[in-house]
Amino acid sequence: MTTAKVFMNGRSQAIRLPKEFRVKGEEVRLQRVPEGILILERDPWEICREACQELSDDFMKERVQPPPQKREWSKER
């Protein structure tokens, strides 16, 4: 397991990442998980957008879509 140094930069805490963990850009996303802190290099939706671009033009063209259901909407509950 690779480790990184934690240090203070002014009044902020910083982590010096080893060379093999360098990230692109100037920002990362942080998420607290039970085991610690997860550092995400990209927006998770960016991955989804890229995957959608790879779909063919006829993706789901043959999909059988049932007609919309008739529903009664009432303000009373």
Protein backbone atom coordinates (compact mmCIF):
# COMPACT_ATOMS: atom_id res chain seq x y z
CA MET A 1 0.00 0.00 0.00
CA THR A 2 1.29 3.44 -0.93
CA THR A 3 1.24 6.19 1.68
CA ALA A 4 1.19 9.98 1.36
CA LYS A 5 2.40 12.76 3.63
CA VAL A 6 -0.12 15.00 5.38
CA PHE A 7 1.02 18.56 6.16
CA MET A 8 -0.29 22.02 6.92
CA ASN A 9 -0.35 24.64 4.15
CA GLY A 10 -1.22 27.88 5.89
CA ARG A 11 -4.43 27.08 7.78
CA SER A 12 -5.40 24.21 5.48
CA GLN A 13 -4.47 20.56 5.72
CA ALA A 14 -2.92 19.14 2.54
CA ILE A 15 -1.82 15.76 1.24
CA ARG A 16 1.29 15.38 -0.89
CA LEU A 17 0.44 12.68 -3.44
CA PRO A 18 3.18 10.41 -4.78
CA LYS A 19 4.06 10.81 -8.46
CA GLU A 20 2.08 7.73 -9.54
CA PHE A 21 -1.11 9.23 -8.04
CA ARG A 22 -0.97 12.62 -9.79
CA VAL A 23 -4.32 13.83 -11.09
CA LYS A 24 -5.32 15.88 -14.11
CA GLY A 25 -6.71 19.34 -13.55
CA GLU A 26 -6.68 21.50 -10.46
CA GLU A 27 -9.63 20.12 -8.49
CA VAL A 28 -10.78 16.75 -7.18
CA ARG A 29 -14.01 15.61 -5.55
CA LEU A 30 -13.90 14.37 -1.96
CA GLN A 31 -16.29 11.92 -0.34
CA ARG A 32 -16.27 10.60 3.22
CA VAL A 33 -16.57 6.81 3.39
CA PRO A 34 -16.47 4.56 6.47
CA GLU A 35 -12.82 3.71 5.80
CA GLY A 36 -11.70 7.33 5.38
CA ILE A 37 -11.75 9.82 2.51
CA LEU A 38 -12.24 8.93 -1.15
CA ILE A 39 -10.60 11.23 -3.73
CA LEU A 40 -12.38 11.26 -7.10
CA GLU A 41 -10.55 12.70 -10.06
CA ARG A 42 -13.62 13.26 -12.26
CA ASP A 43 -17.28 14.11 -12.08
CA PRO A 44 -19.16 10.77 -11.92
CA TRP A 45 -21.68 12.08 -14.47
CA GLU A 46 -18.84 12.68 -16.94
CA ILE A 47 -18.27 8.92 -17.06
CA CYS A 48 -21.98 8.38 -17.80
CA ARG A 49 -21.98 11.03 -20.54
CA GLU A 50 -18.96 9.41 -22.19
CA ALA A 51 -20.64 5.98 -22.08
CA CYS A 52 -23.80 7.38 -23.68
CA GLN A 53 -21.76 8.84 -26.54
CA GLU A 54 -20.58 5.33 -27.40
CA LEU A 55 -24.14 4.05 -27.98
CA SER A 56 -25.17 3.49 -31.58
CA ASP A 57 -27.86 5.65 -33.22
CA ASP A 58 -30.28 2.72 -33.28
CA PHE A 59 -29.87 1.94 -29.58
CA MET A 60 -33.27 0.88 -28.21
CA LYS A 61 -34.94 1.60 -31.56
CA GLU A 62 -36.79 -1.71 -31.32
CA ARG A 63 -37.87 -1.11 -27.71
CA VAL A 64 -41.50 -1.97 -27.00
CA GLN A 65 -42.89 0.88 -24.95
CA PRO A 66 -46.37 0.39 -23.46
CA PRO A 67 -48.82 3.27 -23.81
CA PRO A 68 -49.04 5.72 -20.90
CA GLN A 69 -51.37 4.60 -18.12
CA LYS A 70 -54.48 6.60 -17.36
CA ARG A 71 -54.36 7.86 -13.79
CA GLU A 72 -56.77 9.78 -11.65
CA TRP A 73 -55.09 12.67 -9.92
CA SER A 74 -56.76 14.02 -6.85
CA LYS A 75 -55.76 16.72 -4.41
CA GLU A 76 -57.34 14.74 -1.56
CA ARG A 77 -55.34 12.02 0.12
